[in-house]
Amino acid sequence: MSAKSIILKKRNGNALSSAEIEFFVRGSMNGTIPEYQITAWLMAIFFQKMTREEAAALTRAMIDSGERIPPPAQTEADRPASVDGPSYRSVDKHSTGGVGDKISFLVAPLAAAAGAKVPMISGRSLGHTGGTLDKLESIPDFRTQMSPEEFAVCVRDLGFAMAGQTENMVPADRLYYSLRDSASIVESIPLITASILSKKVAEGAESLVLDVKVGSGAFMESVGAARELAEWLVETASVLGVPSRALLTNMNRVLGRTAGNALEVAESVLALRGGPDSAAEDIRELTLAIGGAMLELAGIEPDANLARERIAEIWQSGSGWEKFRQVVDRHGGDVRVIDDPSLLPRATSFLEVPAPSNGVFLGLSARPVGDWITESGGGRLKTSDTIDPVVGVESLVEIGSSLELGTPLVRLHLPEGKHDLEVLRERAASWIEIGTEPPLPRWIDTVGV
């Protein structure tokens, strides 16, 4: 067996065996296969694709390239009264990325408050989409890096943890992504699948809900491409023995009332504390759908309707907010901002933008909002960029509201420095979508179990 023969086999469109894939990943990590051959192999996969079995074998080999966190042990004392038997699994949620996507901050504490164990390894922003870790770091002193032992103890004690990938967790993914990026072959669905699933299995998740975004603000802009990715994720996870479900959700418009790091944390805390009716309609619906799917896959509730009702009850009780507060404290964060979100980092300069016409407010176009936040320091174009947590965009009225010309509609939270306010006001006005009827629901479809 040699790297050259494996590259040739895949270049010619043939399926690789598990042994060949394991050989190649192992050689990638121990230095016996040089980067130019690794890139050639990834390029061959990009053009010739993989089977679900190959993708599962690649995922396993990538997991084995580094350390992994064992699934949290479940004892009788851990289980809620409604749970019976060994079907009780740890569960996580993964989003493929969007603008204003703050759902993790709601579903993780809500599912944990229902008795689920939620080990959540998260990522940072890159390009126009926000990153969970950057948002969490807008909480003063919040530690996003934990040792595997600390992470496991937090999940065991409190039900969930949110931290970044350690240097030794799935290092093959870090290597392969950098080479894919440099060779312009990031958009390979089998490689995306292995990248996502390897990190989730390595963190200790035994079941998984996938929020696959589709639209102009997502990486998958067409429903067909998003559905293909969702099917790959669900079917490959099944080969790995990880029950999963994918939800296709609309990312043409900003999710919720805010986009930007500190703003999104504040919106999430207020929604957790205020109950379902305090949340923006799209946030409420996705939280109930994704949170309910998490409880169902974890084995805590037997069907989707009961699981959704359970999430709603817990949300209304405020126990999800209390769970989030406990985890922030465990991560070293300043819990005063969870008690009073107005203490989060806040801009000192603002710009309000009025409605450019009469009509019904349909939302803010996601991609240009995400681009402006990134350009203004609230995101990053390269991994070395620093984040300004105060930069963001806030809707002042609810989606579906009737508007009159000149109604204050959008507030920009500006970075420090000078700004051409007239140019910026005109740019922000172009993000506003106004129609004659309320917008269609965010819900698109579900894929598999």
Protein backbone atom coordinates (compact mmCIF):
# COMPACT_ATOMS: atom_id res chain seq x y z
CA MET A 1 0.00 0.00 0.00
CA SER A 2 1.35 3.44 -0.93
CA ALA A 3 0.11 7.02 -1.05
CA LYS A 4 0.68 7.11 -4.80
CA SER A 5 -1.43 3.99 -5.47
CA ILE A 6 -4.26 5.31 -3.28
CA ILE A 7 -4.25 8.67 -5.08
CA LEU A 8 -4.31 6.89 -8.44
CA LYS A 9 -7.16 4.63 -7.37
CA LYS A 10 -9.31 7.56 -6.29
CA ARG A 11 -8.28 9.66 -9.31
CA ASN A 12 -9.66 6.88 -11.51
CA GLY A 13 -12.99 6.99 -9.71
CA ASN A 14 -12.71 3.83 -7.61
CA ALA A 15 -13.86 3.44 -4.02
CA LEU A 16 -11.17 3.21 -1.37
CA SER A 17 -11.20 0.57 1.35
CA SER A 18 -11.28 1.50 5.04
CA ALA A 19 -7.69 0.23 5.33
CA GLU A 20 -6.51 2.49 2.51
CA ILE A 21 -8.23 5.53 4.04
CA GLU A 22 -6.80 4.76 7.49
CA PHE A 23 -3.34 4.34 5.95
CA PHE A 24 -3.58 7.71 4.22
CA VAL A 25 -4.86 9.63 7.26
CA ARG A 26 -2.24 8.03 9.50
CA GLY A 27 0.51 8.92 7.01
CA SER A 28 -0.84 12.47 6.75
CA MET A 29 -0.39 12.91 10.48
CA ASN A 30 2.95 11.17 11.06
CA GLY A 31 4.69 12.97 8.22
CA THR A 32 5.30 9.99 5.94
CA ILE A 33 2.94 11.43 3.30
CA PRO A 34 3.94 14.95 2.17
CA GLU A 35 1.44 17.78 1.81
CA TYR A 36 1.61 17.79 -2.00
CA GLN A 37 0.35 14.18 -2.06
CA ILE A 38 -2.31 14.95 0.57
CA THR A 39 -3.54 17.84 -1.58
CA ALA A 40 -3.58 15.59 -4.65
CA TRP A 41 -5.66 13.04 -2.74
CA LEU A 42 -8.13 15.69 -1.55
CA MET A 43 -8.37 17.02 -5.11
CA ALA A 44 -9.11 13.52 -6.40
CA ILE A 45 -11.89 13.19 -3.79
CA PHE A 46 -13.24 16.61 -4.81
CA PHE A 47 -13.66 15.50 -8.42
CA GLN A 48 -14.44 11.79 -7.99
CA LYS A 49 -16.42 12.10 -4.74
CA MET A 50 -16.89 9.29 -2.18
CA THR A 51 -19.49 6.76 -1.13
CA ARG A 52 -21.21 7.07 2.25
CA GLU A 53 -19.08 4.16 3.47
CA GLU A 54 -15.89 5.91 2.37
CA ALA A 55 -16.99 9.12 4.09
CA ALA A 56 -17.73 7.16 7.28
CA ALA A 57 -14.31 5.50 7.12
CA LEU A 58 -12.66 8.89 6.60
CA THR A 59 -14.61 10.28 9.56
CA ARG A 60 -13.46 7.42 11.82
CA ALA A 61 -9.84 7.82 10.73
CA MET A 62 -9.97 11.57 11.34
CA ILE A 63 -11.41 11.00 14.83
CA ASP A 64 -8.60 8.54 15.55
CA SER A 65 -6.00 11.15 14.53
CA GLY A 66 -6.28 12.80 17.95
CA GLU A 67 -7.91 12.74 21.36
CA ARG A 68 -11.61 12.27 21.89
CA ILE A 69 -13.95 12.93 24.79
CA PRO A 70 -15.92 9.84 25.81
CA PRO A 71 -19.72 10.21 25.74
CA PRO A 72 -20.91 11.37 29.17
CA ALA A 73 -21.76 8.39 31.39
CA GLN A 74 -25.44 8.20 32.19
CA THR A 75 -26.51 6.92 35.59
CA GLU A 76 -29.96 6.32 37.01
CA ALA A 77 -29.57 9.56 38.96
CA ASP A 78 -28.90 11.49 35.74
CA ARG A 79 -32.02 10.33 33.97
CA PRO A 80 -35.22 12.37 34.10
CA ALA A 81 -38.20 10.48 35.51
CA SER A 82 -39.67 10.15 32.01
CA VAL A 83 -36.61 8.31 30.64
CA ASP A 84 -36.40 4.56 30.83
CA GLY A 85 -33.69 2.26 29.52
CA PRO A 86 -30.39 2.54 27.65
CA SER A 87 -31.72 4.60 24.74
CA TYR A 88 -30.80 7.77 26.62
CA ARG A 89 -28.00 9.32 24.51
CA SER A 90 -25.91 12.46 24.60
CA VAL A 91 -26.99 14.87 21.86
CA ASP A 92 -25.61 17.92 20.12
CA LYS A 93 -26.75 20.42 17.53
CA HIS A 94 -24.71 21.77 14.62
CA SER A 95 -25.48 24.67 12.31
CA THR A 96 -23.80 25.09 8.93
CA GLY A 97 -23.61 28.83 9.61
CA GLY A 98 -25.67 31.94 9.08
CA VAL A 99 -26.19 35.57 10.08
CA GLY A 100 -27.81 36.19 13.45
CA ASP A 101 -27.82 32.46 14.19
CA LYS A 102 -27.92 32.31 17.99
CA ILE A 103 -29.99 29.13 18.37
CA SER A 104 -27.23 27.22 20.21
CA PHE A 105 -27.51 29.62 23.15
CA LEU A 106 -31.14 28.62 23.58
CA VAL A 107 -31.35 24.94 22.69
CA ALA A 108 -28.27 23.77 24.62
CA PRO A 109 -29.41 25.07 28.05
CA LEU A 110 -33.04 24.16 27.39
CA ALA A 111 -32.18 20.57 26.40
CA ALA A 112 -29.81 20.30 29.38
CA ALA A 113 -32.53 21.55 31.71
CA ALA A 114 -34.72 18.73 30.35
CA GLY A 115 -32.07 16.18 31.38
CA ALA A 116 -30.07 15.84 28.15
CA LYS A 117 -26.28 15.79 28.08
CA VAL A 118 -25.11 18.26 25.43
CA PRO A 119 -21.35 18.30 24.66
CA MET A 120 -20.97 21.25 22.29
CA ILE A 121 -17.63 21.92 20.60
CA SER A 122 -18.09 25.13 18.63
CA GLY A 123 -16.23 27.23 16.09
CA ARG A 124 -15.31 30.81 15.24
CA SER A 125 -16.56 33.18 12.60
CA LEU A 126 -15.02 33.19 9.15
CA GLY A 127 -16.34 35.27 6.30
CA HIS A 128 -19.87 36.64 6.61
CA THR A 129 -21.15 34.12 9.18
CA GLY A 130 -20.82 34.51 12.94
CA GLY A 131 -19.04 32.10 15.28
CA THR A 132 -20.35 30.76 18.59
CA LEU A 133 -17.00 31.11 20.35
CA ASP A 134 -16.62 34.76 19.34
CA LYS A 135 -20.10 35.49 20.65
CA LEU A 136 -19.37 33.75 23.95
CA GLU A 137 -16.16 35.75 24.33
CA SER A 138 -18.22 38.96 24.40
CA ILE A 139 -19.09 37.76 27.94
CA PRO A 140 -16.23 39.15 30.08
CA ASP A 141 -13.76 36.47 31.23
CA PHE A 142 -15.62 33.59 29.52
CA ARG A 143 -13.11 30.79 28.80
CA THR A 144 -13.77 29.08 25.50
CA GLN A 145 -10.80 26.72 25.90
CA MET A 146 -11.21 23.78 28.26
CA SER A 147 -9.20 20.64 28.76
CA PRO A 148 -11.06 17.46 27.76
CA GLU A 149 -11.33 16.61 31.47
CA GLU A 150 -12.83 20.01 32.37
CA PHE A 151 -15.22 19.80 29.45
CA ALA A 152 -16.42 16.31 30.40
CA VAL A 153 -16.94 17.34 34.05
CA CYS A 154 -18.95 20.41 33.01
CA VAL A 155 -21.22 18.28 30.81
CA ARG A 156 -21.59 15.72 33.60
CA ASP A 157 -22.39 18.27 36.29
CA LEU A 158 -24.44 20.88 34.43
CA GLY A 159 -25.71 19.06 31.34
CA PHE A 160 -23.84 21.05 28.71
CA ALA A 161 -20.62 22.86 27.91
CA MET A 162 -19.55 25.13 25.03
CA ALA A 163 -15.88 25.21 24.17
CA GLY A 164 -13.45 25.28 21.27
CA GLN A 165 -11.70 22.37 19.62
CA THR A 166 -8.44 21.53 21.40
CA GLU A 167 -5.16 21.28 19.50
CA ASN A 168 -5.24 17.50 19.82
CA MET A 169 -8.88 16.97 18.84
CA VAL A 170 -9.27 15.83 15.20
CA PRO A 171 -5.96 17.39 14.04
CA ALA A 172 -6.45 15.74 10.64
CA ASP A 173 -9.44 18.01 10.07
CA ARG A 174 -7.35 21.12 10.74
CA LEU A 175 -4.68 19.96 8.28
CA TYR A 176 -7.12 18.92 5.58
CA TYR A 177 -9.17 22.11 5.83
CA SER A 178 -6.11 24.33 5.44
CA LEU A 179 -5.02 22.39 2.36
CA ARG A 180 -8.53 22.40 0.89
CA ASP A 181 -8.75 26.14 1.44
CA SER A 182 -5.38 26.81 -0.22
CA ALA A 183 -6.30 24.57 -3.17
CA SER A 184 -9.84 26.02 -3.59
CA ILE A 185 -11.56 22.69 -2.92
CA VAL A 186 -13.50 23.55 0.25
CA GLU A 187 -16.89 22.79 -1.33
CA SER A 188 -16.59 19.01 -1.36
CA ILE A 189 -19.67 17.51 0.29
CA PRO A 190 -17.97 14.24 1.39
CA LEU A 191 -15.10 16.23 2.93
CA ILE A 192 -17.50 18.71 4.58
CA THR A 193 -19.43 15.74 5.96
CA ALA A 194 -16.32 14.11 7.44
CA SER A 195 -15.18 17.45 8.87
CA ILE A 196 -18.48 18.11 10.68
CA LEU A 197 -19.13 14.59 11.92
CA SER A 198 -15.57 13.89 13.08
CA LYS A 199 -15.64 16.84 15.48
CA LYS A 200 -19.10 15.99 16.78
CA VAL A 201 -18.32 12.32 17.45
CA ALA A 202 -14.95 13.24 18.99
CA GLU A 203 -16.66 15.59 21.45
CA GLY A 204 -18.83 12.75 22.78
CA ALA A 205 -22.13 13.31 20.93
CA GLU A 206 -24.08 10.07 20.44
CA SER A 207 -26.91 11.71 18.46
CA LEU A 208 -27.06 14.86 16.42
CA VAL A 209 -29.48 17.49 15.10
CA LEU A 210 -28.18 19.36 12.05
CA ASP A 211 -29.45 22.81 11.10
CA VAL A 212 -28.53 23.05 7.43
CA LYS A 213 -28.94 26.66 6.33
CA VAL A 214 -30.03 27.47 2.81
CA GLY A 215 -30.22 30.83 1.05
CA SER A 216 -28.17 33.89 0.16
CA GLY A 217 -26.75 34.16 3.70
CA ALA A 218 -25.72 30.49 3.85
CA PHE A 219 -22.84 28.55 2.34
CA MET A 220 -25.40 26.40 0.54
CA GLU A 221 -27.44 28.92 -1.45
CA SER A 222 -29.78 26.51 -3.24
CA VAL A 223 -32.28 24.11 -1.68
CA GLY A 224 -30.89 21.30 -3.84
CA ALA A 225 -27.32 21.77 -2.57
CA ALA A 226 -28.49 22.08 1.04
CA ARG A 227 -30.62 18.95 0.73
CA GLU A 228 -27.69 17.01 -0.73
CA LEU A 229 -25.48 18.03 2.19
CA ALA A 230 -28.23 17.17 4.68
CA GLU A 231 -28.68 13.72 3.16
CA TRP A 232 -24.93 13.08 3.22
CA LEU A 233 -24.70 14.10 6.87
CA VAL A 234 -27.67 12.02 8.00
CA GLU A 235 -26.78 8.91 6.00
CA THR A 236 -23.07 9.00 6.89
CA ALA A 237 -23.94 9.51 10.55
CA SER A 238 -26.18 6.45 10.29
CA VAL A 239 -23.24 4.38 9.01
CA LEU A 240 -21.31 5.61 12.06
CA GLY A 241 -24.16 4.53 14.35
CA VAL A 242 -25.12 8.11 15.27
CA PRO A 243 -28.88 8.78 14.99
CA SER A 244 -29.40 12.19 13.42
CA ARG A 245 -31.89 14.49 11.82
CA ALA A 246 -31.28 17.46 9.53
CA LEU A 247 -33.51 20.51 9.32
CA LEU A 248 -33.27 22.71 6.25
CA THR A 249 -33.88 26.29 7.35
CA ASN A 250 -34.05 29.59 5.48
CA MET A 251 -31.05 31.93 5.70
CA ASN A 252 -32.04 34.57 3.17
CA ARG A 253 -32.71 36.97 6.04
CA VAL A 254 -31.08 37.74 9.39
CA LEU A 255 -32.30 35.34 12.08
CA GLY A 256 -33.99 37.04 15.02
CA ARG A 257 -33.73 40.71 15.97
CA THR A 258 -29.95 41.10 15.99
CA ALA A 259 -26.70 40.17 14.27
CA GLY A 260 -23.36 40.76 15.95
CA ASN A 261 -21.55 39.13 18.86
CA ALA A 262 -22.61 40.93 22.04
CA LEU A 263 -26.02 41.82 20.59
CA GLU A 264 -26.81 38.17 19.90
CA VAL A 265 -25.80 37.07 23.39
CA ALA A 266 -28.03 39.79 24.86
CA GLU A 267 -30.97 38.75 22.66
CA SER A 268 -30.50 35.11 23.67
CA VAL A 269 -30.32 35.85 27.40
CA LEU A 270 -33.45 38.01 27.27
CA ALA A 271 -35.29 35.33 25.29
CA LEU A 272 -34.27 32.56 27.72
CA ARG A 273 -35.37 34.65 30.66
CA GLY A 274 -38.59 35.96 29.14
CA GLY A 275 -39.98 32.69 27.78
CA PRO A 276 -41.07 31.69 24.26
CA ASP A 277 -43.39 34.65 23.76
CA SER A 278 -40.54 37.11 24.36
CA ALA A 279 -38.49 35.74 21.45
CA ALA A 280 -38.73 36.78 17.82
CA GLU A 281 -41.06 34.42 15.98
CA ASP A 282 -38.34 32.81 13.86
CA ILE A 283 -36.11 32.26 16.92
CA ARG A 284 -39.02 30.74 18.81
CA GLU A 285 -39.98 28.33 16.05
CA LEU A 286 -36.45 27.10 15.35
CA THR A 287 -35.67 26.73 19.06
CA LEU A 288 -38.77 24.60 19.63
CA ALA A 289 -38.13 22.51 16.51
CA ILE A 290 -34.41 21.94 17.08
CA GLY A 291 -34.69 21.60 20.86
CA GLY A 292 -37.56 19.16 20.46
CA ALA A 293 -35.60 17.08 17.95
CA MET A 294 -32.68 16.96 20.40
CA LEU A 295 -34.87 15.57 23.19
CA GLU A 296 -36.42 13.02 20.85
CA LEU A 297 -33.09 11.77 19.51
CA ALA A 298 -31.63 11.68 23.03
CA GLY A 299 -34.47 9.36 24.03
CA ILE A 300 -35.86 11.75 26.61
CA GLU A 301 -39.23 12.13 24.86
CA PRO A 302 -40.83 9.48 22.62
CA ASP A 303 -42.03 11.74 19.80
CA ALA A 304 -41.57 15.19 18.28
CA ASN A 305 -44.78 16.74 19.62
CA LEU A 306 -44.13 15.77 23.24
CA ALA A 307 -40.50 16.86 22.91
CA ARG A 308 -41.51 20.26 21.55
CA GLU A 309 -44.01 20.71 24.38
CA ARG A 310 -41.34 19.80 26.93
CA ILE A 311 -38.94 22.40 25.54
CA ALA A 312 -41.69 25.04 25.64
CA GLU A 313 -42.53 24.21 29.29
CA ILE A 314 -38.91 24.39 30.37
CA TRP A 315 -38.41 27.62 28.46
CA GLN A 316 -41.45 29.17 30.13
CA SER A 317 -40.23 28.11 33.58
CA GLY A 318 -36.94 30.01 33.26
CA SER A 319 -34.84 26.94 34.07
CA GLY A 320 -33.04 27.19 30.71
CA TRP A 321 -31.88 30.70 31.63
CA GLU A 322 -30.68 29.43 35.02
CA LYS A 323 -28.82 26.56 33.31
CA PHE A 324 -27.09 29.00 30.95
CA ARG A 325 -26.11 31.17 33.93
CA GLN A 326 -24.57 28.14 35.68
CA VAL A 327 -22.52 27.20 32.63
CA VAL A 328 -21.28 30.78 32.12
CA ASP A 329 -20.15 30.76 35.75
CA ARG A 330 -18.40 27.38 35.30
CA HIS A 331 -16.58 28.74 32.23
CA GLY A 332 -15.33 31.66 34.33
CA GLY A 333 -17.63 34.22 32.71
CA ASP A 334 -19.06 37.25 34.50
CA VAL A 335 -22.60 36.17 35.40
CA ARG A 336 -23.63 39.76 36.05
CA VAL A 337 -24.18 40.14 32.30
CA ILE A 338 -26.55 37.17 32.38
CA ASP A 339 -28.54 38.88 35.12
CA ASP A 340 -28.40 42.20 33.26
CA PRO A 341 -27.47 41.93 29.54
CA SER A 342 -27.13 45.72 29.31
CA LEU A 343 -23.73 45.20 31.02
CA LEU A 344 -22.38 43.39 27.94
CA PRO A 345 -19.93 45.34 25.77
CA ARG A 346 -21.85 48.05 23.99
CA ALA A 347 -21.13 50.46 21.16
CA THR A 348 -20.93 54.19 21.88
CA SER A 349 -21.97 55.27 18.38
CA PHE A 350 -25.18 54.32 16.62
CA LEU A 351 -26.98 55.02 13.37
CA GLU A 352 -30.71 54.62 12.91
CA VAL A 353 -32.08 53.90 9.45
CA PRO A 354 -35.73 54.64 8.59
CA ALA A 355 -38.09 52.59 6.48
CA PRO A 356 -37.57 53.61 2.84
CA SER A 357 -41.26 53.05 1.96
CA ASN A 358 -44.63 51.88 3.24
CA GLY A 359 -45.35 48.15 3.39
CA VAL A 360 -44.74 45.00 5.43
CA PHE A 361 -41.30 44.42 6.95
CA LEU A 362 -39.92 41.14 5.60
CA GLY A 363 -36.55 41.29 7.34
CA LEU A 364 -32.93 42.20 6.63
CA SER A 365 -31.07 40.55 3.78
CA ALA A 366 -28.59 38.25 5.50
CA ARG A 367 -25.51 38.31 3.27
CA PRO A 368 -24.94 42.09 3.05
CA VAL A 369 -25.55 42.45 6.80
CA GLY A 370 -22.98 39.74 7.49
CA ASP A 371 -20.53 41.34 5.07
CA TRP A 372 -20.84 44.76 6.76
CA ILE A 373 -20.35 43.30 10.24
CA THR A 374 -17.23 41.46 9.05
CA GLU A 375 -15.79 44.51 7.28
CA SER A 376 -16.43 46.61 10.41
CA GLY A 377 -14.51 44.28 12.72
CA GLY A 378 -17.34 42.15 14.06
CA GLY A 379 -16.17 39.12 12.06
CA ARG A 380 -13.00 37.92 10.43
CA LEU A 381 -11.76 37.47 6.88
CA LYS A 382 -8.73 35.50 8.05
CA THR A 383 -8.14 33.50 11.21
CA SER A 384 -5.69 36.04 12.65
CA ASP A 385 -8.22 38.91 12.64
CA THR A 386 -9.43 40.19 16.01
CA ILE A 387 -13.13 40.62 16.82
CA ASP A 388 -14.89 43.78 17.98
CA PRO A 389 -17.83 42.43 20.04
CA VAL A 390 -19.93 45.62 19.91
CA VAL A 391 -20.37 45.82 16.12
CA GLY A 392 -23.79 44.71 14.97
CA VAL A 393 -27.20 45.37 13.48
CA GLU A 394 -30.50 45.53 15.36
CA SER A 395 -34.05 45.46 13.97
CA LEU A 396 -36.32 47.90 15.78
CA VAL A 397 -39.60 46.32 14.62
CA GLU A 398 -40.76 42.72 14.26
CA ILE A 399 -40.81 40.91 10.95
CA GLY A 400 -44.34 41.06 9.54
CA SER A 401 -45.01 44.53 10.98
CA SER A 402 -46.70 47.20 8.88
CA LEU A 403 -44.43 50.12 8.11
CA GLU A 404 -44.83 53.74 7.15
CA LEU A 405 -42.22 55.69 5.26
CA GLY A 406 -39.68 57.10 7.72
CA THR A 407 -40.44 54.70 10.60
CA PRO A 408 -37.18 53.99 12.55
CA LEU A 409 -36.43 50.47 11.43
CA VAL A 410 -32.77 49.48 11.85
CA ARG A 411 -30.07 50.52 14.34
CA LEU A 412 -26.41 50.01 13.46
CA HIS A 413 -24.00 49.56 16.37
CA LEU A 414 -20.83 51.16 15.04
CA PRO A 415 -17.14 50.51 15.76
CA GLU A 416 -14.97 53.33 17.04
CA GLY A 417 -13.78 55.77 14.40
CA LYS A 418 -15.16 58.15 11.81
CA HIS A 419 -17.96 57.10 9.50
CA ASP A 420 -19.62 58.64 6.47
CA LEU A 421 -23.10 58.36 7.93
CA GLU A 422 -24.97 59.28 4.76
CA VAL A 423 -23.17 56.60 2.73
CA LEU A 424 -23.69 54.08 5.53
CA ARG A 425 -27.39 54.97 5.89
CA GLU A 426 -27.87 54.44 2.16
CA ARG A 427 -26.03 51.13 2.30
CA ALA A 428 -28.09 49.90 5.25
CA ALA A 429 -31.34 50.93 3.55
CA SER A 430 -30.50 48.48 0.76
CA TRP A 431 -30.59 45.60 3.27
CA ILE A 432 -34.23 46.25 4.17
CA GLU A 433 -36.80 44.01 2.50
CA ILE A 434 -40.34 45.37 2.31
CA GLY A 435 -43.32 43.67 0.68
CA THR A 436 -47.10 43.67 0.71
CA GLU A 437 -47.67 40.39 2.59
CA PRO A 438 -46.04 38.70 5.63
CA PRO A 439 -42.95 36.58 4.77
CA LEU A 440 -43.04 32.84 4.33
CA PRO A 441 -42.05 30.75 7.38
CA ARG A 442 -38.38 29.90 7.89
CA TRP A 443 -39.20 26.21 7.94
CA ILE A 444 -38.28 24.35 4.76
CA ASP A 445 -37.92 20.62 5.34
CA THR A 446 -36.47 17.81 7.44
CA VAL A 447 -34.22 14.98 6.29
CA GLY A 448 -33.97 11.53 7.83
CA VAL A 449 -33.66 10.09 11.30
